[in-house]
Amino acid sequence: TCCASGRTFAGGLGTRSLGVDLGTVRTGIAVSSGYAPLPLTVLRVPRAAEEPVGDVSQLVQLVCNAAQREGVDQIVVGMPYNHTGGEGKQAQYTRQFAQMLANVARLPVFLWDERFSTAEAQHRMHGGFGAASGEAVDAVAAAVILEAFYSGDVMCAEHIANNAPAEVEADVPAPPLPLSYSEVRQQMMKRAAAASSDDDAFSAKYSKKKGKRRRRR
């Protein structure tokens, strides 16, 4: 939602959202409209041995595909602030990912404090909630992020604006303006005069040839 000041706010209950629990190896996603968040799956992207994280651009595309498939209205990415509320390396990586996502996805992207979401997800799974797979904790963590998002003040979610350069449209020449009545009349008169001149020239040439033939006789 965009207010008069131009700031974009996240939608609350009833707004379908895709939650993202970003990781360097695994990324969990979940979906919710504010009621009973549903863990979806865990995304993985190839990662070179010397690289600390996987292919971010490929992960962005996977998240965009999931958002389109689930028909969501917005994307909520968990932001791993540290215990003092600051941003460490993981938070910087998350912000970079969210910016790339905002530049590609045709949906509003928001950051939401995800501190303790993984711990809460692990607690729920050990308590018998969710799937038994260890990897599924990332998808459950994404659901926890959405649960906290909808139960909190969604107006506090940080909107990540699309800062990709706008596509430059090719210069298309403007169509010519229609001629006025007087201009059309002038053109018709010029054409008529030119046609008459051609006829006179042809007649003079024909008469000259005819005169030569008579003299020969």
N, C-alpha and C. Protein backbone atom coordinates (compact mmCIF):
# COMPACT_ATOMS: atom_id res chain seq x y z
N THR A 1 0.84 -1.19 0.00
CA THR A 1 0.00 0.00 0.00
C THR A 1 0.88 1.24 0.00
N CYS A 2 0.58 2.21 -0.87
CA CYS A 2 1.37 3.43 -0.98
C CYS A 2 0.57 4.59 -0.38
N CYS A 3 1.19 5.31 0.56
CA CYS A 3 0.50 6.43 1.19
C CYS A 3 0.77 7.72 0.42
N ALA A 4 0.19 8.82 0.91
CA ALA A 4 0.33 10.10 0.22
C ALA A 4 1.78 10.57 0.16
N SER A 5 2.58 10.18 1.16
CA SER A 5 3.98 10.60 1.20
C SER A 5 4.84 9.83 0.22
N GLY A 6 4.27 8.79 -0.40
CA GLY A 6 5.03 7.99 -1.35
C GLY A 6 5.64 6.75 -0.75
N ARG A 7 5.55 6.59 0.57
CA ARG A 7 6.11 5.42 1.23
C ARG A 7 5.19 4.22 1.02
N THR A 8 5.79 3.07 0.78
CA THR A 8 5.02 1.84 0.57
C THR A 8 4.98 1.03 1.85
N PHE A 9 3.78 0.68 2.30
CA PHE A 9 3.61 -0.11 3.50
C PHE A 9 3.17 -1.52 3.14
N ALA A 10 3.53 -2.46 4.00
CA ALA A 10 3.14 -3.86 3.79
C ALA A 10 1.66 -4.04 4.07
N GLY A 11 1.07 -5.02 3.37
CA GLY A 11 -0.32 -5.36 3.62
C GLY A 11 -0.44 -6.26 4.83
N GLY A 12 -1.53 -6.14 5.56
CA GLY A 12 -1.73 -6.94 6.76
C GLY A 12 -2.57 -8.18 6.50
N LEU A 13 -3.42 -8.52 7.47
CA LEU A 13 -4.25 -9.71 7.36
C LEU A 13 -5.06 -9.70 6.07
N GLY A 14 -5.07 -10.83 5.39
CA GLY A 14 -5.79 -10.95 4.14
C GLY A 14 -4.90 -10.73 2.92
N THR A 15 -3.71 -10.20 3.14
CA THR A 15 -2.75 -10.00 2.04
C THR A 15 -1.86 -11.23 1.95
N ARG A 16 -1.89 -11.90 0.83
CA ARG A 16 -1.14 -13.15 0.68
C ARG A 16 0.36 -12.84 0.52
N SER A 17 1.16 -13.47 1.37
CA SER A 17 2.60 -13.18 1.40
C SER A 17 3.42 -14.45 1.27
N LEU A 18 4.59 -14.29 0.66
CA LEU A 18 5.58 -15.36 0.62
C LEU A 18 6.66 -15.01 1.63
N GLY A 19 6.87 -15.88 2.60
CA GLY A 19 7.92 -15.66 3.59
C GLY A 19 9.20 -16.34 3.16
N VAL A 20 10.33 -15.68 3.40
CA VAL A 20 11.63 -16.21 2.98
C VAL A 20 12.59 -16.22 4.17
N ASP A 21 13.08 -17.41 4.52
CA ASP A 21 14.12 -17.55 5.54
C ASP A 21 15.42 -17.82 4.79
N LEU A 22 16.18 -16.77 4.53
CA LEU A 22 17.37 -16.85 3.69
C LEU A 22 18.54 -17.48 4.42
N GLY A 23 19.23 -18.38 3.73
CA GLY A 23 20.43 -18.99 4.28
C GLY A 23 21.51 -19.04 3.22
N THR A 24 22.74 -19.29 3.63
CA THR A 24 23.84 -19.37 2.67
C THR A 24 23.85 -20.70 1.93
N VAL A 25 23.22 -21.70 2.52
CA VAL A 25 23.15 -23.03 1.89
C VAL A 25 21.72 -23.39 1.53
N ARG A 26 20.81 -23.20 2.47
CA ARG A 26 19.40 -23.53 2.25
C ARG A 26 18.54 -22.30 2.52
N THR A 27 17.45 -22.19 1.79
CA THR A 27 16.50 -21.09 1.97
C THR A 27 15.10 -21.66 2.06
N GLY A 28 14.44 -21.41 3.17
CA GLY A 28 13.08 -21.91 3.36
C GLY A 28 12.07 -20.88 2.92
N ILE A 29 10.96 -21.35 2.37
CA ILE A 29 9.88 -20.45 1.98
C ILE A 29 8.56 -20.97 2.53
N ALA A 30 7.65 -20.05 2.80
CA ALA A 30 6.33 -20.38 3.32
C ALA A 30 5.34 -19.37 2.77
N VAL A 31 4.06 -19.67 2.90
CA VAL A 31 3.03 -18.78 2.38
C VAL A 31 1.93 -18.61 3.41
N SER A 32 1.32 -17.42 3.43
CA SER A 32 0.24 -17.16 4.37
C SER A 32 -0.49 -15.89 3.98
N SER A 33 -1.76 -15.82 4.39
CA SER A 33 -2.54 -14.60 4.27
C SER A 33 -2.81 -14.02 5.65
N GLY A 34 -2.07 -14.54 6.64
CA GLY A 34 -2.22 -14.08 8.01
C GLY A 34 -2.82 -15.12 8.92
N TYR A 35 -3.22 -16.26 8.35
CA TYR A 35 -3.83 -17.32 9.14
C TYR A 35 -3.12 -18.63 8.84
N ALA A 36 -2.64 -19.31 9.86
CA ALA A 36 -2.00 -20.62 9.72
C ALA A 36 -0.97 -20.65 8.60
N PRO A 37 0.19 -20.01 8.78
CA PRO A 37 1.24 -20.02 7.75
C PRO A 37 1.60 -21.45 7.34
N LEU A 38 1.80 -21.65 6.05
CA LEU A 38 2.07 -22.98 5.52
C LEU A 38 3.51 -23.07 5.02
N PRO A 39 4.37 -23.90 5.66
CA PRO A 39 5.72 -24.11 5.13
C PRO A 39 5.62 -24.78 3.76
N LEU A 40 6.37 -24.29 2.79
CA LEU A 40 6.30 -24.83 1.44
C LEU A 40 7.44 -25.79 1.13
N THR A 41 8.64 -25.27 1.04
CA THR A 41 9.77 -26.10 0.66
C THR A 41 11.07 -25.41 1.03
N VAL A 42 12.16 -26.10 0.77
CA VAL A 42 13.50 -25.56 1.00
C VAL A 42 14.21 -25.48 -0.35
N LEU A 43 14.72 -24.31 -0.67
CA LEU A 43 15.40 -24.09 -1.95
C LEU A 43 16.90 -24.24 -1.77
N ARG A 44 17.53 -24.85 -2.75
CA ARG A 44 18.98 -25.00 -2.77
C ARG A 44 19.51 -24.52 -4.11
N VAL A 45 20.67 -23.89 -4.09
CA VAL A 45 21.32 -23.47 -5.34
C VAL A 45 22.77 -23.95 -5.30
N PRO A 46 23.36 -24.21 -6.46
CA PRO A 46 24.76 -24.67 -6.49
C PRO A 46 25.70 -23.67 -5.84
N ARG A 47 26.71 -24.19 -5.16
CA ARG A 47 27.70 -23.33 -4.51
C ARG A 47 29.09 -23.91 -4.73
N ALA A 48 29.98 -23.07 -5.27
CA ALA A 48 31.36 -23.51 -5.48
C ALA A 48 32.04 -23.70 -4.13
N ALA A 49 33.04 -24.58 -4.10
CA ALA A 49 33.71 -24.91 -2.83
C ALA A 49 34.33 -23.68 -2.19
N GLU A 50 34.84 -22.76 -3.02
CA GLU A 50 35.52 -21.58 -2.47
C GLU A 50 34.56 -20.43 -2.18
N GLU A 51 33.28 -20.59 -2.55
CA GLU A 51 32.31 -19.53 -2.35
C GLU A 51 31.53 -19.74 -1.06
N PRO A 52 31.33 -18.67 -0.26
CA PRO A 52 30.59 -18.82 1.00
C PRO A 52 29.09 -19.00 0.81
N VAL A 53 28.57 -18.53 -0.33
CA VAL A 53 27.13 -18.63 -0.59
C VAL A 53 26.91 -19.18 -1.99
N GLY A 54 25.67 -19.59 -2.26
CA GLY A 54 25.32 -20.10 -3.58
C GLY A 54 25.07 -18.97 -4.56
N ASP A 55 24.62 -19.33 -5.74
CA ASP A 55 24.34 -18.37 -6.80
C ASP A 55 23.11 -17.55 -6.41
N VAL A 56 23.33 -16.29 -6.03
CA VAL A 56 22.24 -15.45 -5.53
C VAL A 56 21.22 -15.17 -6.62
N SER A 57 21.69 -14.90 -7.84
CA SER A 57 20.76 -14.58 -8.92
C SER A 57 19.85 -15.76 -9.23
N GLN A 58 20.38 -16.97 -9.14
CA GLN A 58 19.55 -18.15 -9.37
C GLN A 58 18.53 -18.32 -8.25
N LEU A 59 18.96 -18.04 -7.02
CA LEU A 59 18.05 -18.13 -5.88
C LEU A 59 16.93 -17.09 -6.00
N VAL A 60 17.27 -15.90 -6.44
CA VAL A 60 16.27 -14.85 -6.65
C VAL A 60 15.22 -15.33 -7.64
N GLN A 61 15.66 -15.97 -8.71
CA GLN A 61 14.73 -16.45 -9.72
C GLN A 61 13.83 -17.55 -9.17
N LEU A 62 14.39 -18.43 -8.34
CA LEU A 62 13.59 -19.49 -7.73
C LEU A 62 12.51 -18.91 -6.82
N VAL A 63 12.87 -17.88 -6.06
CA VAL A 63 11.90 -17.25 -5.17
C VAL A 63 10.81 -16.54 -5.99
N CYS A 64 11.21 -15.89 -7.07
CA CYS A 64 10.23 -15.23 -7.95
C CYS A 64 9.27 -16.25 -8.55
N ASN A 65 9.80 -17.40 -8.95
CA ASN A 65 8.95 -18.45 -9.51
C ASN A 65 7.94 -18.94 -8.47
N ALA A 66 8.41 -19.11 -7.23
CA ALA A 66 7.51 -19.56 -6.16
C ALA A 66 6.44 -18.52 -5.88
N ALA A 67 6.83 -17.24 -5.89
CA ALA A 67 5.87 -16.16 -5.64
C ALA A 67 4.78 -16.13 -6.71
N GLN A 68 5.19 -16.34 -7.95
CA GLN A 68 4.22 -16.36 -9.05
C GLN A 68 3.32 -17.58 -8.95
N ARG A 69 3.92 -18.72 -8.63
CA ARG A 69 3.15 -19.96 -8.54
C ARG A 69 2.11 -19.89 -7.42
N GLU A 70 2.46 -19.25 -6.31
CA GLU A 70 1.57 -19.17 -5.16
C GLU A 70 0.61 -17.99 -5.24
N GLY A 71 0.80 -17.12 -6.22
CA GLY A 71 -0.10 -15.98 -6.40
C GLY A 71 -0.10 -15.01 -5.24
N VAL A 72 1.10 -14.69 -4.73
CA VAL A 72 1.18 -13.80 -3.56
C VAL A 72 1.15 -12.33 -3.98
N ASP A 73 0.88 -11.48 -3.00
CA ASP A 73 0.81 -10.04 -3.23
C ASP A 73 2.08 -9.32 -2.80
N GLN A 74 2.87 -9.97 -1.96
CA GLN A 74 4.10 -9.35 -1.46
C GLN A 74 5.04 -10.44 -0.96
N ILE A 75 6.32 -10.06 -0.78
CA ILE A 75 7.33 -11.01 -0.30
C ILE A 75 7.94 -10.43 0.97
N VAL A 76 8.01 -11.26 2.00
CA VAL A 76 8.57 -10.85 3.29
C VAL A 76 9.84 -11.66 3.54
N VAL A 77 10.96 -10.98 3.60
CA VAL A 77 12.26 -11.63 3.80
C VAL A 77 12.70 -11.42 5.24
N GLY A 78 13.05 -12.50 5.92
CA GLY A 78 13.52 -12.40 7.30
C GLY A 78 14.87 -11.71 7.37
N MET A 79 15.00 -10.71 8.24
CA MET A 79 16.24 -9.95 8.39
C MET A 79 16.93 -10.36 9.69
N PRO A 80 18.13 -10.96 9.60
CA PRO A 80 18.82 -11.46 10.79
C PRO A 80 19.63 -10.39 11.52
N TYR A 81 18.94 -9.48 12.18
CA TYR A 81 19.66 -8.50 13.00
C TYR A 81 20.38 -9.23 14.14
N ASN A 82 21.46 -8.63 14.63
CA ASN A 82 22.12 -9.24 15.78
C ASN A 82 21.39 -8.85 17.07
N HIS A 83 21.89 -9.31 18.20
CA HIS A 83 21.16 -9.13 19.46
C HIS A 83 21.04 -7.66 19.86
N THR A 84 21.89 -6.79 19.29
CA THR A 84 21.80 -5.36 19.60
C THR A 84 20.97 -4.60 18.57
N GLY A 85 20.48 -5.32 17.56
CA GLY A 85 19.69 -4.67 16.52
C GLY A 85 20.53 -4.19 15.35
N GLY A 86 21.83 -4.49 15.38
CA GLY A 86 22.71 -4.08 14.29
C GLY A 86 22.70 -5.09 13.15
N GLU A 87 23.48 -4.79 12.11
CA GLU A 87 23.54 -5.65 10.94
C GLU A 87 24.95 -6.19 10.75
N GLY A 88 25.08 -7.51 10.84
CA GLY A 88 26.35 -8.17 10.60
C GLY A 88 26.46 -8.61 9.15
N LYS A 89 27.38 -9.54 8.89
CA LYS A 89 27.60 -10.00 7.51
C LYS A 89 26.37 -10.69 6.94
N GLN A 90 25.70 -11.52 7.76
CA GLN A 90 24.52 -12.22 7.26
C GLN A 90 23.40 -11.23 6.93
N ALA A 91 23.27 -10.19 7.75
CA ALA A 91 22.24 -9.18 7.48
C ALA A 91 22.58 -8.40 6.21
N GLN A 92 23.85 -8.12 5.99
CA GLN A 92 24.26 -7.42 4.77
C GLN A 92 23.98 -8.28 3.54
N TYR A 93 24.25 -9.58 3.67
CA TYR A 93 23.95 -10.51 2.57
C TYR A 93 22.45 -10.55 2.30
N THR A 94 21.66 -10.55 3.38
CA THR A 94 20.20 -10.56 3.24
C THR A 94 19.70 -9.29 2.56
N ARG A 95 20.27 -8.17 2.93
CA ARG A 95 19.86 -6.90 2.32
C ARG A 95 20.20 -6.88 0.83
N GLN A 96 21.37 -7.42 0.49
CA GLN A 96 21.77 -7.51 -0.92
C GLN A 96 20.79 -8.40 -1.69
N PHE A 97 20.45 -9.54 -1.10
CA PHE A 97 19.50 -10.45 -1.73
C PHE A 97 18.14 -9.78 -1.91
N ALA A 98 17.66 -9.11 -0.86
CA ALA A 98 16.35 -8.45 -0.92
C ALA A 98 16.33 -7.37 -2.00
N GLN A 99 17.44 -6.66 -2.17
CA GLN A 99 17.50 -5.63 -3.20
C GLN A 99 17.45 -6.25 -4.59
N MET A 100 18.19 -7.33 -4.79
CA MET A 100 18.14 -8.03 -6.08
C MET A 100 16.74 -8.56 -6.35
N LEU A 101 16.10 -9.07 -5.31
CA LEU A 101 14.75 -9.59 -5.44
C LEU A 101 13.76 -8.48 -5.81
N ALA A 102 13.91 -7.33 -5.15
CA ALA A 102 13.02 -6.20 -5.43
C ALA A 102 13.19 -5.69 -6.85
N ASN A 103 14.41 -5.81 -7.38
CA ASN A 103 14.67 -5.32 -8.73
C ASN A 103 14.12 -6.26 -9.81
N VAL A 104 13.88 -7.51 -9.43
CA VAL A 104 13.43 -8.50 -10.41
C VAL A 104 11.95 -8.82 -10.25
N ALA A 105 11.53 -9.04 -9.01
CA ALA A 105 10.13 -9.42 -8.76
C ALA A 105 9.21 -8.23 -9.02
N ARG A 106 8.09 -8.48 -9.61
CA ARG A 106 7.11 -7.42 -9.84
C ARG A 106 6.15 -7.37 -8.66
N LEU A 107 6.73 -7.43 -7.47
CA LEU A 107 5.96 -7.42 -6.23
C LEU A 107 6.72 -6.59 -5.20
N PRO A 108 6.02 -6.00 -4.23
CA PRO A 108 6.73 -5.30 -3.16
C PRO A 108 7.47 -6.29 -2.27
N VAL A 109 8.67 -5.90 -1.86
CA VAL A 109 9.52 -6.74 -1.01
C VAL A 109 9.76 -6.00 0.31
N PHE A 110 9.62 -6.74 1.43
CA PHE A 110 9.79 -6.13 2.75
C PHE A 110 10.76 -6.96 3.58
N LEU A 111 11.46 -6.28 4.49
CA LEU A 111 12.32 -6.95 5.46
C LEU A 111 11.61 -6.97 6.81
N TRP A 112 11.75 -8.12 7.51
CA TRP A 112 11.12 -8.26 8.82
C TRP A 112 12.10 -8.94 9.77
N ASP A 113 12.19 -8.43 10.97
CA ASP A 113 13.12 -8.96 11.98
C ASP A 113 12.85 -10.45 12.20
N GLU A 114 13.88 -11.26 11.93
CA GLU A 114 13.69 -12.71 12.05
C GLU A 114 14.46 -13.31 13.23
N ARG A 115 14.95 -12.48 14.12
CA ARG A 115 15.70 -13.01 15.26
C ARG A 115 14.88 -14.06 16.01
N PHE A 116 15.51 -15.16 16.29
CA PHE A 116 14.93 -16.28 17.06
C PHE A 116 13.93 -17.11 16.24
N SER A 117 13.75 -16.81 14.95
CA SER A 117 12.78 -17.59 14.16
C SER A 117 13.26 -19.03 13.98
N THR A 118 14.56 -19.22 13.74
CA THR A 118 15.08 -20.58 13.56
C THR A 118 14.98 -21.37 14.86
N ALA A 119 15.30 -20.73 15.97
CA ALA A 119 15.20 -21.41 17.27
C ALA A 119 13.75 -21.80 17.55
N GLU A 120 12.82 -20.92 17.22
CA GLU A 120 11.40 -21.22 17.42
C GLU A 120 10.96 -22.36 16.51
N ALA A 121 11.47 -22.38 15.28
CA ALA A 121 11.12 -23.45 14.35
C ALA A 121 11.64 -24.79 14.85
N GLN A 122 12.87 -24.81 15.35
CA GLN A 122 13.44 -26.05 15.88
C GLN A 122 12.65 -26.52 17.09
N HIS A 123 12.24 -25.59 17.93
CA HIS A 123 11.45 -25.95 19.11
C HIS A 123 10.13 -26.58 18.70
N ARG A 124 9.49 -26.01 17.70
CA ARG A 124 8.20 -26.54 17.25
C ARG A 124 8.36 -27.93 16.65
N MET A 125 9.42 -28.12 15.88
CA MET A 125 9.62 -29.42 15.24
C MET A 125 9.95 -30.48 16.27
N HIS A 126 10.75 -30.14 17.26
CA HIS A 126 11.06 -31.10 18.31
C HIS A 126 9.83 -31.39 19.15
N GLY A 127 8.90 -30.43 19.14
CA GLY A 127 7.68 -30.62 19.91
C GLY A 127 6.61 -31.36 19.15
N GLY A 128 6.96 -31.80 17.92
CA GLY A 128 6.00 -32.59 17.15
C GLY A 128 5.28 -31.81 16.08
N PHE A 129 5.67 -30.54 15.88
CA PHE A 129 5.02 -29.75 14.84
C PHE A 129 5.83 -29.83 13.55
N GLY A 130 5.15 -29.80 12.42
CA GLY A 130 5.83 -29.74 11.13
C GLY A 130 6.40 -31.08 10.73
N ALA A 131 7.26 -31.04 9.68
CA ALA A 131 7.83 -32.26 9.13
C ALA A 131 8.98 -32.74 9.99
N ALA A 132 9.39 -33.97 9.76
CA ALA A 132 10.44 -34.57 10.57
C ALA A 132 11.82 -34.29 10.00
N SER A 133 11.90 -33.92 8.73
CA SER A 133 13.18 -33.70 8.09
C SER A 133 13.92 -32.53 8.72
N GLY A 134 15.26 -32.69 8.89
CA GLY A 134 16.06 -31.62 9.45
C GLY A 134 16.07 -30.40 8.57
N GLU A 135 16.08 -30.59 7.24
CA GLU A 135 16.09 -29.47 6.31
C GLU A 135 14.80 -28.67 6.39
N ALA A 136 13.70 -29.33 6.74
CA ALA A 136 12.40 -28.67 6.74
C ALA A 136 12.33 -27.54 7.76
N VAL A 137 13.29 -27.49 8.70
CA VAL A 137 13.28 -26.44 9.70
C VAL A 137 13.37 -25.06 9.04
N ASP A 138 14.01 -24.97 7.88
CA ASP A 138 14.14 -23.68 7.19
C ASP A 138 12.78 -23.21 6.66
N ALA A 139 11.97 -24.15 6.15
CA ALA A 139 10.64 -23.79 5.69
C ALA A 139 9.74 -23.42 6.87
N VAL A 140 9.90 -24.14 7.98
CA VAL A 140 9.13 -23.82 9.18
C VAL A 140 9.55 -22.45 9.71
N ALA A 141 10.86 -22.15 9.63
CA ALA A 141 11.34 -20.84 10.07
C ALA A 141 10.71 -19.73 9.22
N ALA A 142 10.53 -19.98 7.92
CA ALA A 142 9.88 -19.00 7.05
C ALA A 142 8.43 -18.79 7.49
N ALA A 143 7.77 -19.88 7.91
CA ALA A 143 6.39 -19.77 8.41
C ALA A 143 6.36 -18.98 9.71
N VAL A 144 7.38 -19.18 10.57
CA VAL A 144 7.46 -18.44 11.83
C VAL A 144 7.63 -16.95 11.55
N ILE A 145 8.43 -16.62 10.53
CA ILE A 145 8.63 -15.22 10.15
C ILE A 145 7.30 -14.59 9.76
N LEU A 146 6.51 -15.30 8.97
CA LEU A 146 5.21 -14.77 8.55
C LEU A 146 4.26 -14.64 9.74
N GLU A 147 4.32 -15.60 10.64
CA GLU A 147 3.46 -15.54 11.82
C GLU A 147 3.78 -14.30 12.66
N ALA A 148 5.09 -14.05 12.85
CA ALA A 148 5.50 -12.87 13.61
C ALA A 148 5.15 -11.59 12.85
N PHE A 149 5.27 -11.64 11.55
CA PHE A 149 4.96 -10.48 10.72
C PHE A 149 3.50 -10.07 10.86
N TYR A 150 2.59 -11.02 10.74
CA TYR A 150 1.16 -10.71 10.80
C TYR A 150 0.70 -10.38 12.21
N SER A 151 1.35 -10.95 13.21
CA SER A 151 0.95 -10.66 14.58
C SER A 151 1.57 -9.37 15.10
N GLY A 152 2.56 -8.84 14.37
CA GLY A 152 3.20 -7.59 14.77
C GLY A 152 2.62 -6.40 14.03
N ASP A 153 3.35 -5.32 14.05
CA ASP A 153 2.93 -4.10 13.35
C ASP A 153 3.53 -4.12 11.96
N VAL A 154 2.73 -4.52 10.97
CA VAL A 154 3.25 -4.65 9.61
C VAL A 154 3.71 -3.31 9.04
N MET A 155 3.25 -2.21 9.64
CA MET A 155 3.66 -0.89 9.17
C MET A 155 5.14 -0.65 9.42
N CYS A 156 5.73 -1.47 10.32
CA CYS A 156 7.15 -1.31 10.65
C CYS A 156 8.06 -2.07 9.69
N ALA A 157 7.48 -2.88 8.81
CA ALA A 157 8.30 -3.63 7.86
C ALA A 157 9.02 -2.67 6.92
N GLU A 158 10.29 -2.94 6.68
CA GLU A 158 11.08 -2.07 5.81
C GLU A 158 10.86 -2.43 4.35
N HIS A 159 10.40 -1.47 3.59
CA HIS A 159 10.17 -1.70 2.16
C HIS A 159 11.47 -1.52 1.40
N ILE A 160 11.77 -2.48 0.52
CA ILE A 160 12.95 -2.40 -0.34
C ILE A 160 12.48 -1.98 -1.73
N ALA A 161 12.81 -0.76 -2.10
CA ALA A 161 12.34 -0.22 -3.37
C ALA A 161 13.16 -0.75 -4.54
N ASN A 162 12.52 -0.88 -5.66
CA ASN A 162 13.19 -1.28 -6.90
C ASN A 162 14.08 -0.12 -7.36
N ASN A 163 15.40 -0.34 -7.40
CA ASN A 163 16.31 0.71 -7.84
C ASN A 163 17.00 0.36 -9.15
N ALA A 164 16.43 -0.62 -9.87
CA ALA A 164 17.00 -0.98 -11.16
C ALA A 164 16.78 0.16 -12.14
N PRO A 165 17.76 0.44 -13.01
CA PRO A 165 17.57 1.53 -13.99
C PRO A 165 16.41 1.23 -14.92
N ALA A 166 15.63 2.25 -15.19
CA ALA A 166 14.48 2.08 -16.07
C ALA A 166 14.95 1.78 -17.48
N GLU A 167 14.20 0.94 -18.17
CA GLU A 167 14.54 0.62 -19.55
C GLU A 167 14.29 1.83 -20.43
N VAL A 168 15.28 2.13 -21.27
CA VAL A 168 15.17 3.28 -22.17
C VAL A 168 14.43 2.85 -23.42
N GLU A 169 13.32 3.50 -23.66
CA GLU A 169 12.54 3.17 -24.85
C GLU A 169 13.16 3.79 -26.09
N ALA A 170 13.12 3.05 -27.17
CA ALA A 170 13.67 3.55 -28.43
C ALA A 170 12.88 4.76 -28.90
N ASP A 171 13.60 5.73 -29.48
CA ASP A 171 12.94 6.93 -30.00
C ASP A 171 12.11 6.57 -31.22
N VAL A 172 10.84 6.79 -31.13
CA VAL A 172 9.93 6.52 -32.24
C VAL A 172 9.49 7.85 -32.82
N PRO A 173 9.75 8.08 -34.11
CA PRO A 173 9.36 9.38 -34.68
C PRO A 173 7.86 9.58 -34.60
N ALA A 174 7.49 10.81 -34.28
CA ALA A 174 6.07 11.12 -34.17
C ALA A 174 5.43 11.10 -35.55
N PRO A 175 4.19 10.63 -35.64
CA PRO A 175 3.52 10.60 -36.95
C PRO A 175 3.31 12.02 -37.46
N PRO A 176 3.37 12.22 -38.78
CA PRO A 176 3.19 13.58 -39.32
C PRO A 176 1.78 14.09 -39.04
N LEU A 177 1.69 15.41 -38.85
CA LEU A 177 0.39 16.01 -38.60
C LEU A 177 -0.45 15.98 -39.88
N PRO A 178 -1.75 15.80 -39.77
CA PRO A 178 -2.60 15.80 -40.97
C PRO A 178 -2.59 17.17 -41.64
N LEU A 179 -2.66 17.17 -42.98
CA LEU A 179 -2.65 18.43 -43.72
C LEU A 179 -3.97 19.17 -43.54
N SER A 180 -3.87 20.48 -43.55
CA SER A 180 -5.08 21.30 -43.47
C SER A 180 -5.78 21.30 -44.84
N TYR A 181 -6.99 21.83 -44.87
CA TYR A 181 -7.75 21.86 -46.13
C TYR A 181 -7.03 22.70 -47.18
N SER A 182 -6.49 23.85 -46.76
CA SER A 182 -5.81 24.73 -47.72
C SER A 182 -4.55 24.06 -48.27
N GLU A 183 -3.83 23.31 -47.41
CA GLU A 183 -2.62 22.63 -47.87
C GLU A 183 -2.96 21.52 -48.86
N VAL A 184 -4.03 20.79 -48.57
CA VAL A 184 -4.47 19.74 -49.50
C VAL A 184 -4.87 20.36 -50.84
N ARG A 185 -5.58 21.50 -50.80
CA ARG A 185 -6.03 22.17 -52.03
C ARG A 185 -4.83 22.66 -52.85
N GLN A 186 -3.81 23.19 -52.14
CA GLN A 186 -2.62 23.66 -52.84
C GLN A 186 -1.89 22.51 -53.53
N GLN A 187 -1.80 21.37 -52.83
CA GLN A 187 -1.13 20.21 -53.43
C GLN A 187 -1.89 19.72 -54.66
N MET A 188 -3.22 19.71 -54.59
CA MET A 188 -4.03 19.27 -55.73
C MET A 188 -3.85 20.22 -56.92
N MET A 189 -3.77 21.53 -56.63
CA MET A 189 -3.59 22.50 -57.71
C MET A 189 -2.21 22.35 -58.35
N LYS A 190 -1.18 22.07 -57.53
CA LYS A 190 0.16 21.87 -58.08
C LYS A 190 0.20 20.63 -58.97
N ARG A 191 -0.45 19.56 -58.50
CA ARG A 191 -0.48 18.34 -59.31
C ARG A 191 -1.22 18.57 -60.62
N ALA A 192 -2.34 19.32 -60.54
CA ALA A 192 -3.11 19.60 -61.76
C ALA A 192 -2.30 20.45 -62.73
N ALA A 193 -1.56 21.44 -62.18
CA ALA A 193 -0.74 22.30 -63.03
C ALA A 193 0.38 21.50 -63.67
N ALA A 194 0.99 20.59 -62.89
CA ALA A 194 2.07 19.77 -63.44
C ALA A 194 1.53 18.86 -64.53
N ALA A 195 0.35 18.28 -64.31
CA ALA A 195 -0.25 17.40 -65.31
C ALA A 195 -0.58 18.18 -66.58
N SER A 196 -1.10 19.41 -66.41
CA SER A 196 -1.44 20.24 -67.57
C SER A 196 -0.19 20.62 -68.35
N SER A 197 0.90 20.90 -67.62
CA SER A 197 2.16 21.25 -68.28
C SER A 197 2.69 20.09 -69.09
N ASP A 198 2.56 18.88 -68.53
CA ASP A 198 3.01 17.68 -69.25
C ASP A 198 2.18 17.49 -70.51
N ASP A 199 0.86 17.73 -70.40
CA ASP A 199 -0.01 17.57 -71.57
C ASP A 199 0.35 18.58 -72.65
N ASP A 200 0.63 19.83 -72.24
CA ASP A 200 1.00 20.87 -73.22
C ASP A 200 2.30 20.51 -73.92
N ALA A 201 3.26 20.01 -73.14
CA ALA A 201 4.55 19.64 -73.73
C ALA A 201 4.37 18.49 -74.71
N PHE A 202 3.52 17.53 -74.35
CA PHE A 202 3.28 16.40 -75.25
C PHE A 202 2.59 16.86 -76.53
N SER A 203 1.61 17.77 -76.38
CA SER A 203 0.88 18.27 -77.54
C SER A 203 1.80 19.04 -78.47
N ALA A 204 2.68 19.87 -77.88
CA ALA A 204 3.61 20.65 -78.71
C ALA A 204 4.56 19.73 -79.45
N LYS A 205 5.04 18.71 -78.77
CA LYS A 205 5.96 17.77 -79.40
C LYS A 205 5.26 17.00 -80.52
N TYR A 206 4.02 16.61 -80.28
CA TYR A 206 3.26 15.86 -81.29
C TYR A 206 2.97 16.74 -82.51
N SER A 207 2.62 18.02 -82.26
CA SER A 207 2.33 18.94 -83.36
C SER A 207 3.57 19.18 -84.21
N LYS A 208 4.73 19.27 -83.57
CA LYS A 208 5.97 19.50 -84.30
C LYS A 208 6.28 18.33 -85.20
N LYS A 209 6.09 17.11 -84.68
CA LYS A 209 6.35 15.92 -85.50
C LYS A 209 5.37 15.85 -86.67
N LYS A 210 4.13 16.22 -86.42
CA LYS A 210 3.11 16.18 -87.47
C LYS A 210 3.42 17.19 -88.57
N GLY A 211 3.95 18.37 -88.18
CA GLY A 211 4.31 19.38 -89.16
C GLY A 211 5.46 18.93 -90.04
N LYS A 212 6.43 18.24 -89.48
CA LYS A 212 7.56 17.73 -90.25
C LYS A 212 7.10 16.72 -91.28
N ARG A 213 6.16 15.87 -90.91
CA ARG A 213 5.66 14.87 -91.85
C ARG A 213 4.95 15.53 -93.04
N ARG A 214 4.21 16.59 -92.79
CA ARG A 214 3.48 17.27 -93.86
C ARG A 214 4.47 17.92 -94.84
N ARG A 215 5.55 18.51 -94.32
CA ARG A 215 6.52 19.15 -95.20
C ARG A 215 7.22 18.13 -96.08
N ARG A 216 7.46 16.92 -95.53
CA ARG A 216 8.09 15.88 -96.32
C ARG A 216 7.21 15.46 -97.48
N ARG A 217 5.91 15.46 -97.26
CA ARG A 217 5.00 15.07 -98.32
C ARG A 217 4.99 16.12 -99.43
